[in-house]
Amino acid sequence: MVPLPTLDLVPALHDAFVRGDAAELDALLGPADPAADLRALLSLADAPRLHRLRDKLYDGRVVAHCFRRGAGAATEGCVAFWLTGVTSVAELLALDFPSDDHRRAACRSLRAWGDGTLTRDMVFAGLEGAIWDTVHTDDPLG
């Protein structure tokens, strides 16, 4: 296994996203597993954001290839927008992630949503588990 670069990860990722350099992004982010990467991203969201994403999926308001478009009640956004509120790669990279692995998973999720390897069905399935976890966190039987 090749170790992933860690020095100056955020600036390197930002530059690679801006240039659209898929090969460099692949090298910086490591191998993608869309379902696992989504689980990592969902684990960072609070219950209201998870429910908001689910509602927006049902309403057909989750889009690819942009963070957010429209305004007010007509707003559409990507998975990352509904989960975090970010409207750019710079904002996504600036979030306070618990680790670089979480940051990489969020970036891989963004890419996977854009290229279609992360599907609506996968997001619904991941949300079901994440919402269940938020409801049952304090379950004495769990």
Protein backbone atom coordinates (compact mmCIF):
# COMPACT_ATOMS: atom_id res chain seq x y z
CA MET A 1 0.00 0.00 0.00
CA VAL A 2 1.33 3.42 -0.94
CA PRO A 3 1.18 5.95 1.92
CA LEU A 4 -0.97 8.96 1.15
CA PRO A 5 0.70 12.38 1.26
CA THR A 6 -0.18 14.31 4.41
CA LEU A 7 1.93 17.46 4.23
CA ASP A 8 0.03 20.44 2.92
CA LEU A 9 -2.94 18.21 2.07
CA VAL A 10 -5.54 20.99 2.03
CA PRO A 11 -3.68 23.33 -0.38
CA ALA A 12 -2.73 20.39 -2.60
CA LEU A 13 -6.34 19.16 -2.71
CA HIS A 14 -7.65 22.65 -3.40
CA ASP A 15 -5.21 23.15 -6.28
CA ALA A 16 -6.01 19.74 -7.76
CA PHE A 17 -9.78 20.42 -7.56
CA VAL A 18 -9.34 23.85 -9.18
CA ARG A 19 -7.27 22.38 -12.01
CA GLY A 20 -9.61 19.42 -12.35
CA ASP A 21 -6.59 17.14 -12.19
CA ALA A 22 -8.18 13.71 -11.70
CA ALA A 23 -4.86 11.86 -11.51
CA GLU A 24 -3.54 14.15 -8.79
CA LEU A 25 -6.83 13.93 -6.87
CA ASP A 26 -6.68 10.14 -7.10
CA ALA A 27 -3.14 10.20 -5.69
CA LEU A 28 -4.03 12.60 -2.88
CA LEU A 29 -7.33 10.98 -1.93
CA GLY A 30 -6.49 7.31 -2.26
CA PRO A 31 -8.86 4.57 -3.36
CA ALA A 32 -12.55 5.37 -3.29
CA ASP A 33 -15.24 3.25 -1.70
CA PRO A 34 -18.37 5.36 -2.28
CA ALA A 35 -20.51 3.62 0.36
CA ALA A 36 -17.79 3.73 3.05
CA ASP A 37 -16.83 7.30 2.17
CA LEU A 38 -20.48 8.35 2.43
CA ARG A 39 -20.79 6.66 5.85
CA ALA A 40 -17.80 8.68 7.06
CA LEU A 41 -19.35 11.90 5.76
CA LEU A 42 -22.76 11.09 7.23
CA SER A 43 -21.19 10.34 10.62
CA LEU A 44 -20.12 13.99 10.82
CA ALA A 45 -23.63 15.40 10.28
CA ASP A 46 -26.17 16.07 12.99
CA ALA A 47 -29.69 14.61 12.88
CA PRO A 48 -31.38 17.73 11.42
CA ARG A 49 -28.95 17.79 8.48
CA LEU A 50 -29.44 14.06 7.87
CA HIS A 51 -33.22 14.56 7.79
CA ARG A 52 -32.84 17.62 5.53
CA LEU A 53 -30.77 15.62 3.03
CA ARG A 54 -33.34 12.82 3.07
CA ASP A 55 -36.18 15.30 2.49
CA LYS A 56 -34.31 17.02 -0.34
CA LEU A 57 -33.64 13.64 -1.99
CA TYR A 58 -37.37 12.86 -1.86
CA ASP A 59 -38.12 16.31 -3.31
CA GLY A 60 -35.62 15.86 -6.16
CA ARG A 61 -33.56 18.83 -4.93
CA VAL A 62 -30.20 17.05 -4.68
CA VAL A 63 -28.10 17.77 -7.76
CA ALA A 64 -24.64 17.02 -9.09
CA HIS A 65 -21.95 19.24 -10.62
CA CYS A 66 -22.54 22.22 -8.36
CA PHE A 67 -22.70 22.84 -4.63
CA ARG A 68 -25.82 25.02 -4.65
CA ARG A 69 -28.06 26.75 -7.15
CA GLY A 70 -31.21 28.79 -6.80
CA ALA A 71 -32.39 30.62 -3.72
CA GLY A 72 -34.92 30.30 -0.93
CA ALA A 73 -37.49 27.57 -1.41
CA ALA A 74 -36.08 26.86 -4.90
CA THR A 75 -32.59 25.95 -3.64
CA GLU A 76 -31.01 22.78 -4.96
CA GLY A 77 -27.69 21.42 -3.81
CA CYS A 78 -25.34 18.47 -3.74
CA VAL A 79 -25.03 15.92 -0.95
CA ALA A 80 -22.16 17.87 0.65
CA PHE A 81 -24.17 21.11 0.61
CA TRP A 82 -27.19 19.60 2.38
CA LEU A 83 -25.01 17.83 4.96
CA THR A 84 -22.59 20.66 5.72
CA GLY A 85 -23.83 23.89 4.15
CA VAL A 86 -20.64 24.33 2.12
CA THR A 87 -20.87 26.08 -1.23
CA SER A 88 -17.34 25.53 -2.56
CA VAL A 89 -14.38 23.20 -2.45
CA ALA A 90 -12.51 25.78 -0.35
CA GLU A 91 -15.31 25.75 2.25
CA LEU A 92 -15.41 21.94 2.27
CA LEU A 93 -11.66 21.70 2.79
CA ALA A 94 -11.80 24.33 5.56
CA LEU A 95 -14.24 22.32 7.67
CA ASP A 96 -12.91 21.04 10.98
CA PHE A 97 -12.68 17.32 10.21
CA PRO A 98 -11.65 14.91 12.97
CA SER A 99 -8.88 13.59 10.71
CA ASP A 100 -7.40 13.83 7.24
CA ASP A 101 -9.06 10.47 6.53
CA HIS A 102 -12.46 12.09 7.13
CA ARG A 103 -11.48 15.01 4.88
CA ARG A 104 -10.42 12.58 2.15
CA ALA A 105 -13.68 10.62 2.53
CA ALA A 106 -15.70 13.84 2.17
CA CYS A 107 -13.76 14.79 -0.97
CA ARG A 108 -14.15 11.31 -2.44
CA SER A 109 -17.90 11.48 -1.71
CA LEU A 110 -18.10 14.81 -3.53
CA ARG A 111 -16.34 13.32 -6.55
CA ALA A 112 -18.40 10.11 -6.45
CA TRP A 113 -21.67 12.07 -6.34
CA GLY A 114 -20.51 14.14 -9.31
CA ASP A 115 -19.45 11.18 -11.43
CA GLY A 116 -22.44 9.00 -10.52
CA THR A 117 -20.62 6.24 -8.63
CA LEU A 118 -22.44 7.43 -5.51
CA THR A 119 -26.12 6.99 -6.38
CA ARG A 120 -29.36 8.21 -4.84
CA ASP A 121 -30.10 4.65 -3.70
CA MET A 122 -26.73 4.46 -1.95
CA VAL A 123 -27.38 7.79 -0.24
CA PHE A 124 -30.86 6.68 0.87
CA ALA A 125 -29.40 3.45 2.28
CA GLY A 126 -26.61 5.31 4.08
CA LEU A 127 -29.06 7.86 5.46
CA GLU A 128 -31.31 5.12 6.80
CA GLY A 129 -28.43 3.75 8.88
CA ALA A 130 -27.18 7.17 9.96
CA ILE A 131 -30.64 8.35 11.03
CA TRP A 132 -31.18 5.07 12.91
CA ASP A 133 -27.88 5.66 14.72
CA THR A 134 -28.92 9.18 15.80
CA VAL A 135 -32.20 7.89 17.19
CA HIS A 136 -30.66 4.93 19.02
CA THR A 137 -27.45 6.43 20.37
CA ASP A 138 -28.67 6.32 23.94
CA ASP A 139 -30.44 2.98 23.61
CA PRO A 140 -29.62 1.00 26.79
CA LEU A 141 -30.12 -2.24 24.86
CA GLY A 142 -27.71 -1.25 22.08
